Amino acid sequence: MSKEMSSNKEKIVTIDGPSGVGKSTISRMVAASLSFTYLDTGAMYRAVGLKLQEENVDLTDDTAVRECLSTVSLELLPASTESDDVGVLLNGRDVSRAIRSVEMAMVASEVSSLPAVREKLTRMQQEIGNGGKIVAEGRDTGTVVFPNAAWKFYLDATPEIRMQRRADQLKLQGKQVDEKELLAMIVKRDHDDQSRSIAPLCKAVDAYIIDTGTLSIDGVSKAMLTRINQL
């Protein structure tokens, strides 16, 4: 751990980047190495997306969205192992598996552009980070949620590499994959995340950029820990 972290910086690591760059796996590894808490912001957006979808809320109706959000409570459950996803309780119901589909990833991207959703979840995430010592991953953790984080990273890789990683993951789960369709979804999600008016996906000016397409997961983790110890 760095011995000279500026006193006006929060003891937080942010890891941003598009889908499929390995943010979740790497975040868990870095959090474990630092003995920090892992904050999966994407899981929170997926859970809220699931709730809005289940309630058939018109996403163009801000009042209806806010009314639904007023009834939402979320609890993140620690992953049992470094290879597992963070669990999520939505109003006390375990939706951990339900939110991890490709379809829910697209829903999460859509609802994350809604002002009411971003306001609520950004506030919740900042409350979680009040005590510091967290690794937060998402698409705007270093630019919007924790702009004063001590250590910021932006992970990237080509859409093709990210598609293949996701396809391999789904195949291991016994699911059939249309790789062309999956690639098209990834490209669309990138466009939607980067072009939305509220908290678009972008690199923080002080973020350290790592191309995960040229490194192993262990290599990325080691590069990040080295950087953290240098600052």
C-alpha atoms as a PDB file:
ATOM      1  CA  MET A   1       0.000   0.000   0.000  1.00  0.00           C
ATOM      2  CA  SER A   2       1.256   3.493  -0.797  1.00  0.00           C
ATOM      3  CA  LYS A   3       2.825   5.229   2.172  1.00  0.00           C
ATOM      4  CA  GLU A   4       2.182   8.725   0.807  1.00  0.00           C
ATOM      5  CA  MET A   5      -1.429   9.000  -0.268  1.00  0.00           C
ATOM      6  CA  SER A   6      -2.573  12.617  -0.389  1.00  0.00           C
ATOM      7  CA  SER A   7      -4.763  13.428   2.617  1.00  0.00           C
ATOM      8  CA  ASN A   8      -7.502  14.888   0.403  1.00  0.00           C
ATOM      9  CA  LYS A   9      -7.915  11.642  -1.512  1.00  0.00           C
ATOM     10  CA  GLU A  10     -10.353   8.898  -0.552  1.00  0.00           C
ATOM     11  CA  LYS A  11      -8.919   5.462   0.130  1.00  0.00           C
ATOM     12  CA  ILE A  12     -10.821   4.012  -2.803  1.00  0.00           C
ATOM     13  CA  VAL A  13      -9.826   2.169  -5.978  1.00  0.00           C
ATOM     14  CA  THR A  14     -12.057   2.751  -9.011  1.00  0.00           C
ATOM     15  CA  ILE A  15     -12.032   0.411 -12.005  1.00  0.00           C
ATOM     16  CA  ASP A  16     -14.001   1.593 -15.016  1.00  0.00           C
ATOM     17  CA  GLY A  17     -14.327   0.332 -18.569  1.00  0.00           C
ATOM     18  CA  PRO A  18     -16.740  -1.254 -21.048  1.00  0.00           C
ATOM     19  CA  SER A  19     -18.383  -4.643 -20.570  1.00  0.00           C
ATOM     20  CA  GLY A  20     -16.233  -7.740 -20.927  1.00  0.00           C
ATOM     21  CA  VAL A  21     -12.826  -6.324 -20.017  1.00  0.00           C
ATOM     22  CA  GLY A  22     -12.572  -8.386 -16.849  1.00  0.00           C
ATOM     23  CA  LYS A  23     -13.508  -5.655 -14.369  1.00  0.00           C
ATOM     24  CA  SER A  24     -15.388  -7.936 -11.976  1.00  0.00           C
ATOM     25  CA  THR A  25     -12.749 -10.662 -11.757  1.00  0.00           C
ATOM     26  CA  ILE A  26      -9.898  -8.186 -11.458  1.00  0.00           C
ATOM     27  CA  SER A  27     -11.771  -6.076  -8.908  1.00  0.00           C
ATOM     28  CA  ARG A  28     -12.268  -9.116  -6.686  1.00  0.00           C
ATOM     29  CA  MET A  29      -8.580 -10.006  -6.925  1.00  0.00           C
ATOM     30  CA  VAL A  30      -7.400  -6.474  -6.155  1.00  0.00           C
ATOM     31  CA  ALA A  31      -9.888  -6.101  -3.290  1.00  0.00           C
ATOM     32  CA  ALA A  32      -8.713  -9.391  -1.771  1.00  0.00           C
ATOM     33  CA  SER A  33      -5.052  -8.382  -2.085  1.00  0.00           C
ATOM     34  CA  LEU A  34      -5.698  -5.037  -0.375  1.00  0.00           C
ATOM     35  CA  SER A  35      -8.227  -6.406   2.154  1.00  0.00           C
ATOM     36  CA  PHE A  36     -10.743  -3.919   0.736  1.00  0.00           C
ATOM     37  CA  THR A  37     -14.477  -4.426   0.108  1.00  0.00           C
ATOM     38  CA  TYR A  38     -15.522  -5.055  -3.495  1.00  0.00           C
ATOM     39  CA  LEU A  39     -18.382  -2.829  -4.722  1.00  0.00           C
ATOM     40  CA  ASP A  40     -20.053  -4.191  -7.870  1.00  0.00           C
ATOM     41  CA  THR A  41     -22.020  -1.178  -9.142  1.00  0.00           C
ATOM     42  CA  GLY A  42     -23.084  -3.052 -12.275  1.00  0.00           C
ATOM     43  CA  ALA A  43     -24.951  -5.604 -10.179  1.00  0.00           C
ATOM     44  CA  MET A  44     -26.909  -2.771  -8.613  1.00  0.00           C
ATOM     45  CA  TYR A  45     -28.011  -1.425 -12.006  1.00  0.00           C
ATOM     46  CA  ARG A  46     -28.960  -4.907 -13.160  1.00  0.00           C
ATOM     47  CA  ALA A  47     -31.091  -5.439 -10.054  1.00  0.00           C
ATOM     48  CA  VAL A  48     -32.892  -2.128 -10.480  1.00  0.00           C
ATOM     49  CA  GLY A  49     -33.391  -2.936 -14.159  1.00  0.00           C
ATOM     50  CA  LEU A  50     -34.945  -6.249 -13.191  1.00  0.00           C
ATOM     51  CA  LYS A  51     -37.327  -4.523 -10.780  1.00  0.00           C
ATOM     52  CA  LEU A  52     -38.435  -1.953 -13.352  1.00  0.00           C
ATOM     53  CA  GLN A  53     -38.895  -4.702 -15.922  1.00  0.00           C
ATOM     54  CA  GLU A  54     -40.922  -6.908 -13.581  1.00  0.00           C
ATOM     55  CA  GLU A  55     -43.183  -3.984 -12.678  1.00  0.00           C
ATOM     56  CA  ASN A  56     -43.625  -3.104 -16.387  1.00  0.00           C
ATOM     57  CA  VAL A  57     -42.646   0.483 -15.631  1.00  0.00           C
ATOM     58  CA  ASP A  58     -42.689   2.881 -18.570  1.00  0.00           C
ATOM     59  CA  LEU A  59     -39.061   4.068 -18.627  1.00  0.00           C
ATOM     60  CA  THR A  60     -40.107   7.341 -20.296  1.00  0.00           C
ATOM     61  CA  ASP A  61     -42.323   8.181 -17.306  1.00  0.00           C
ATOM     62  CA  ASP A  62     -39.991   9.750 -14.733  1.00  0.00           C
ATOM     63  CA  THR A  63     -42.696   9.854 -12.063  1.00  0.00           C
ATOM     64  CA  ALA A  64     -43.453   6.140 -12.459  1.00  0.00           C
ATOM     65  CA  VAL A  65     -39.743   5.281 -12.375  1.00  0.00           C
ATOM     66  CA  ARG A  66     -39.202   7.293  -9.191  1.00  0.00           C
ATOM     67  CA  GLU A  67     -42.264   5.736  -7.569  1.00  0.00           C
ATOM     68  CA  CYS A  68     -40.917   2.245  -8.284  1.00  0.00           C
ATOM     69  CA  LEU A  69     -37.439   3.177  -7.054  1.00  0.00           C
ATOM     70  CA  SER A  70     -38.885   4.425  -3.774  1.00  0.00           C
ATOM     71  CA  THR A  71     -39.800   0.817  -2.963  1.00  0.00           C
ATOM     72  CA  VAL A  72     -36.398  -0.643  -3.882  1.00  0.00           C
ATOM     73  CA  SER A  73     -33.898  -1.876  -1.332  1.00  0.00           C
ATOM     74  CA  LEU A  74     -30.640  -3.556  -2.304  1.00  0.00           C
ATOM     75  CA  GLU A  75     -28.151  -5.616  -0.358  1.00  0.00           C
ATOM     76  CA  LEU A  76     -24.884  -6.844  -1.843  1.00  0.00           C
ATOM     77  CA  LEU A  77     -23.688 -10.230  -0.635  1.00  0.00           C
ATOM     78  CA  PRO A  78     -19.960 -11.086  -0.625  1.00  0.00           C
ATOM     79  CA  ALA A  79     -18.901 -13.618  -3.256  1.00  0.00           C
ATOM     80  CA  SER A  80     -18.145 -17.015  -1.737  1.00  0.00           C
ATOM     81  CA  THR A  81     -14.980 -17.358  -3.826  1.00  0.00           C
ATOM     82  CA  GLU A  82     -12.860 -15.056  -6.005  1.00  0.00           C
ATOM     83  CA  SER A  83     -14.409 -16.610  -9.112  1.00  0.00           C
ATOM     84  CA  ASP A  84     -18.026 -16.017  -8.053  1.00  0.00           C
ATOM     85  CA  ASP A  85     -20.135 -12.932  -8.731  1.00  0.00           C
ATOM     86  CA  VAL A  86     -21.335 -10.722  -5.918  1.00  0.00           C
ATOM     87  CA  GLY A  87     -24.794 -11.773  -4.747  1.00  0.00           C
ATOM     88  CA  VAL A  88     -27.718  -9.353  -4.691  1.00  0.00           C
ATOM     89  CA  LEU A  89     -30.858  -9.234  -2.605  1.00  0.00           C
ATOM     90  CA  LEU A  90     -33.633  -7.144  -4.172  1.00  0.00           C
ATOM     91  CA  ASN A  91     -36.176  -6.268  -1.483  1.00  0.00           C
ATOM     92  CA  GLY A  92     -34.949  -9.342   0.382  1.00  0.00           C
ATOM     93  CA  ARG A  93     -35.214 -11.653  -2.659  1.00  0.00           C
ATOM     94  CA  ASP A  94     -32.096 -13.315  -4.010  1.00  0.00           C
ATOM     95  CA  VAL A  95     -31.787 -12.242  -7.655  1.00  0.00           C
ATOM     96  CA  SER A  96     -28.096 -13.105  -7.992  1.00  0.00           C
ATOM     97  CA  ARG A  97     -28.596 -15.521 -10.894  1.00  0.00           C
ATOM     98  CA  ALA A  98     -31.470 -13.689 -12.551  1.00  0.00           C
ATOM     99  CA  ILE A  99     -29.455 -10.503 -13.123  1.00  0.00           C
ATOM    100  CA  ARG A 100     -26.427 -12.154 -14.771  1.00  0.00           C
ATOM    101  CA  SER A 101     -27.886 -12.837 -18.219  1.00  0.00           C
ATOM    102  CA  VAL A 102     -26.809 -10.987 -21.367  1.00  0.00           C
ATOM    103  CA  GLU A 103     -30.352  -9.626 -21.638  1.00  0.00           C
ATOM    104  CA  MET A 104     -30.185  -8.100 -18.164  1.00  0.00           C
ATOM    105  CA  ALA A 105     -26.875  -6.483 -19.053  1.00  0.00           C
ATOM    106  CA  MET A 106     -28.662  -4.663 -21.879  1.00  0.00           C
ATOM    107  CA  VAL A 107     -31.525  -3.681 -19.559  1.00  0.00           C
ATOM    108  CA  ALA A 108     -28.991  -2.336 -17.054  1.00  0.00           C
ATOM    109  CA  SER A 109     -27.374  -0.217 -19.765  1.00  0.00           C
ATOM    110  CA  GLU A 110     -30.787   1.198 -20.692  1.00  0.00           C
ATOM    111  CA  VAL A 111     -31.956   2.063 -17.175  1.00  0.00           C
ATOM    112  CA  SER A 112     -28.557   3.479 -16.198  1.00  0.00           C
ATOM    113  CA  SER A 113     -29.278   6.410 -18.516  1.00  0.00           C
ATOM    114  CA  LEU A 114     -32.320   7.419 -16.445  1.00  0.00           C
ATOM    115  CA  PRO A 115     -31.674  10.391 -14.109  1.00  0.00           C
ATOM    116  CA  ALA A 116     -33.751   8.915 -11.281  1.00  0.00           C
ATOM    117  CA  VAL A 117     -31.870   5.611 -11.369  1.00  0.00           C
ATOM    118  CA  ARG A 118     -28.436   7.243 -11.474  1.00  0.00           C
ATOM    119  CA  GLU A 119     -29.315   9.601  -8.628  1.00  0.00           C
ATOM    120  CA  LYS A 120     -30.502   6.798  -6.370  1.00  0.00           C
ATOM    121  CA  LEU A 121     -27.694   4.353  -7.064  1.00  0.00           C
ATOM    122  CA  THR A 122     -24.928   6.954  -7.055  1.00  0.00           C
ATOM    123  CA  ARG A 123     -26.134   8.051  -3.639  1.00  0.00           C
ATOM    124  CA  MET A 124     -26.245   4.458  -2.393  1.00  0.00           C
ATOM    125  CA  GLN A 125     -22.750   3.761  -3.743  1.00  0.00           C
ATOM    126  CA  GLN A 126     -21.307   6.877  -2.151  1.00  0.00           C
ATOM    127  CA  GLU A 127     -22.838   5.893   1.184  1.00  0.00           C
ATOM    128  CA  ILE A 128     -21.154   2.481   0.906  1.00  0.00           C
ATOM    129  CA  GLY A 129     -17.850   4.197   0.114  1.00  0.00           C
ATOM    130  CA  ASN A 130     -18.001   6.670   3.003  1.00  0.00           C
ATOM    131  CA  GLY A 131     -15.654   4.572   5.099  1.00  0.00           C
ATOM    132  CA  GLY A 132     -13.149   4.087   2.292  1.00  0.00           C
ATOM    133  CA  LYS A 133     -11.215   0.865   1.712  1.00  0.00           C
ATOM    134  CA  ILE A 134     -13.335  -0.268  -1.233  1.00  0.00           C
ATOM    135  CA  VAL A 135     -12.679  -1.331  -4.815  1.00  0.00           C
ATOM    136  CA  ALA A 136     -15.523   0.026  -6.946  1.00  0.00           C
ATOM    137  CA  GLU A 137     -16.028  -1.147 -10.518  1.00  0.00           C
ATOM    138  CA  GLY A 138     -18.395   0.170 -13.127  1.00  0.00           C
ATOM    139  CA  ARG A 139     -18.526   2.765 -15.884  1.00  0.00           C
ATOM    140  CA  ASP A 140     -18.422   6.048 -14.001  1.00  0.00           C
ATOM    141  CA  THR A 141     -16.951   5.210 -10.607  1.00  0.00           C
ATOM    142  CA  GLY A 142     -13.837   7.309 -11.220  1.00  0.00           C
ATOM    143  CA  THR A 143     -15.602  10.202 -12.952  1.00  0.00           C
ATOM    144  CA  VAL A 144     -18.918  10.590 -11.097  1.00  0.00           C
ATOM    145  CA  VAL A 145     -19.310   8.318  -8.077  1.00  0.00           C
ATOM    146  CA  PHE A 146     -15.847   8.681  -6.542  1.00  0.00           C
ATOM    147  CA  PRO A 147     -14.069  11.519  -8.394  1.00  0.00           C
ATOM    148  CA  ASN A 148     -11.732  11.954  -5.423  1.00  0.00           C
ATOM    149  CA  ALA A 149     -10.595   8.313  -5.316  1.00  0.00           C
ATOM    150  CA  ALA A 150      -6.898   7.848  -4.654  1.00  0.00           C
ATOM    151  CA  TRP A 151      -6.417   5.228  -7.372  1.00  0.00           C
ATOM    152  CA  LYS A 152      -8.276   5.204 -10.689  1.00  0.00           C
ATOM    153  CA  PHE A 153      -8.023   2.657 -13.482  1.00  0.00           C
ATOM    154  CA  TYR A 154      -9.644   2.287 -16.888  1.00  0.00           C
ATOM    155  CA  LEU A 155      -9.588  -1.180 -18.449  1.00  0.00           C
ATOM    156  CA  ASP A 156     -10.143  -1.687 -22.156  1.00  0.00           C
ATOM    157  CA  ALA A 157     -10.045  -4.333 -24.909  1.00  0.00           C
ATOM    158  CA  THR A 158     -11.432  -4.660 -28.432  1.00  0.00           C
ATOM    159  CA  PRO A 159     -15.110  -5.668 -28.841  1.00  0.00           C
ATOM    160  CA  GLU A 160     -13.993  -8.910 -30.512  1.00  0.00           C
ATOM    161  CA  ILE A 161     -11.820  -9.962 -27.570  1.00  0.00           C
ATOM    162  CA  ARG A 162     -14.574  -9.086 -25.116  1.00  0.00           C
ATOM    163  CA  MET A 163     -17.149 -11.006 -27.139  1.00  0.00           C
ATOM    164  CA  GLN A 164     -14.984 -14.126 -27.189  1.00  0.00           C
ATOM    165  CA  ARG A 165     -14.426 -13.987 -23.435  1.00  0.00           C
ATOM    166  CA  ARG A 166     -18.148 -13.667 -22.778  1.00  0.00           C
ATOM    167  CA  ALA A 167     -18.954 -16.431 -25.275  1.00  0.00           C
ATOM    168  CA  ASP A 168     -16.475 -18.792 -23.604  1.00  0.00           C
ATOM    169  CA  GLN A 169     -17.990 -17.980 -20.219  1.00  0.00           C
ATOM    170  CA  LEU A 170     -21.528 -18.713 -21.419  1.00  0.00           C
ATOM    171  CA  LYS A 171     -20.460 -21.951 -23.103  1.00  0.00           C
ATOM    172  CA  LEU A 172     -18.918 -23.139 -19.845  1.00  0.00           C
ATOM    173  CA  GLN A 173     -22.356 -22.595 -18.301  1.00  0.00           C
ATOM    174  CA  GLY A 174     -23.829 -24.895 -20.937  1.00  0.00           C
ATOM    175  CA  LYS A 175     -25.517 -22.115 -22.904  1.00  0.00           C
ATOM    176  CA  GLN A 176     -25.671 -21.819 -26.677  1.00  0.00           C
ATOM    177  CA  VAL A 177     -24.060 -18.678 -28.072  1.00  0.00           C
ATOM    178  CA  ASP A 178     -24.591 -16.804 -31.316  1.00  0.00           C
ATOM    179  CA  GLU A 179     -21.255 -14.992 -31.487  1.00  0.00           C
ATOM    180  CA  LYS A 180     -22.338 -12.538 -34.190  1.00  0.00           C
ATOM    181  CA  GLU A 181     -25.379 -11.539 -32.163  1.00  0.00           C
ATOM    182  CA  LEU A 182     -23.298 -11.286 -28.998  1.00  0.00           C
ATOM    183  CA  LEU A 183     -20.745  -9.036 -30.724  1.00  0.00           C
ATOM    184  CA  ALA A 184     -23.526  -6.805 -32.037  1.00  0.00           C
ATOM    185  CA  MET A 185     -24.947  -6.485 -28.500  1.00  0.00           C
ATOM    186  CA  ILE A 186     -21.538  -5.538 -27.109  1.00  0.00           C
ATOM    187  CA  VAL A 187     -20.998  -2.898 -29.802  1.00  0.00           C
ATOM    188  CA  LYS A 188     -24.486  -1.487 -29.190  1.00  0.00           C
ATOM    189  CA  ARG A 189     -23.943  -1.396 -25.447  1.00  0.00           C
ATOM    190  CA  ASP A 190     -20.628   0.422 -25.913  1.00  0.00           C
ATOM    191  CA  HIS A 191     -22.386   3.006 -28.080  1.00  0.00           C
ATOM    192  CA  ASP A 192     -25.258   3.430 -25.632  1.00  0.00           C
ATOM    193  CA  ASP A 193     -22.932   3.729 -22.616  1.00  0.00           C
ATOM    194  CA  GLN A 194     -20.632   6.228 -24.321  1.00  0.00           C
ATOM    195  CA  SER A 195     -23.322   8.419 -25.883  1.00  0.00           C
ATOM    196  CA  ARG A 196     -25.809   8.786 -23.028  1.00  0.00           C
ATOM    197  CA  SER A 197     -26.201  12.313 -21.687  1.00  0.00           C
ATOM    198  CA  ILE A 198     -25.902  11.371 -18.015  1.00  0.00           C
ATOM    199  CA  ALA A 199     -22.626   9.924 -16.692  1.00  0.00           C
ATOM    200  CA  PRO A 200     -21.435   8.461 -19.999  1.00  0.00           C
ATOM    201  CA  LEU A 201     -18.692   5.871 -20.078  1.00  0.00           C
ATOM    202  CA  CYS A 202     -15.414   7.761 -20.363  1.00  0.00           C
ATOM    203  CA  LYS A 203     -11.905   7.735 -18.978  1.00  0.00           C
ATOM    204  CA  ALA A 204     -11.180   9.887 -15.941  1.00  0.00           C
ATOM    205  CA  VAL A 205      -8.379  12.286 -16.830  1.00  0.00           C
ATOM    206  CA  ASP A 206      -6.284  10.893 -13.982  1.00  0.00           C
ATOM    207  CA  ALA A 207      -7.067   7.212 -14.652  1.00  0.00           C
ATOM    208  CA  TYR A 208      -4.326   4.708 -15.468  1.00  0.00           C
ATOM    209  CA  ILE A 209      -5.287   2.850 -18.669  1.00  0.00           C
ATOM    210  CA  ILE A 210      -4.634  -0.876 -19.080  1.00  0.00           C
ATOM    211  CA  ASP A 211      -5.322  -2.923 -22.224  1.00  0.00           C
ATOM    212  CA  THR A 212      -6.584  -6.229 -20.849  1.00  0.00           C
ATOM    213  CA  GLY A 213      -6.489  -7.784 -24.296  1.00  0.00           C
ATOM    214  CA  THR A 214      -2.712  -8.114 -24.094  1.00  0.00           C
ATOM    215  CA  LEU A 215      -2.433  -9.312 -20.496  1.00  0.00           C
ATOM    216  CA  SER A 216      -3.643 -12.238 -18.414  1.00  0.00           C
ATOM    217  CA  ILE A 217      -5.989 -11.599 -15.490  1.00  0.00           C
ATOM    218  CA  ASP A 218      -3.057 -12.085 -13.113  1.00  0.00           C
ATOM    219  CA  GLY A 219      -0.979  -9.706 -15.217  1.00  0.00           C
ATOM    220  CA  VAL A 220      -3.618  -6.969 -15.025  1.00  0.00           C
ATOM    221  CA  SER A 221      -4.019  -7.439 -11.281  1.00  0.00           C
ATOM    222  CA  LYS A 222      -0.262  -7.253 -10.705  1.00  0.00           C
ATOM    223  CA  ALA A 223       0.023  -4.131 -12.856  1.00  0.00           C
ATOM    224  CA  MET A 224      -2.703  -2.449 -10.825  1.00  0.00           C
ATOM    225  CA  LEU A 225      -1.236  -3.400  -7.458  1.00  0.00           C
ATOM    226  CA  THR A 226       2.183  -2.159  -8.583  1.00  0.00           C
ATOM    227  CA  ARG A 227       0.607   1.143  -9.606  1.00  0.00           C
ATOM    228  CA  ILE A 228      -1.262   1.441  -6.303  1.00  0.00           C
ATOM    229  CA  ASN A 229       1.931   0.871  -4.324  1.00  0.00           C
ATOM    230  CA  GLN A 230       3.763   3.507  -6.364  1.00  0.00           C
ATOM    231  CA  LEU A 231       1.279   6.318  -5.727  1.00  0.00           C
END
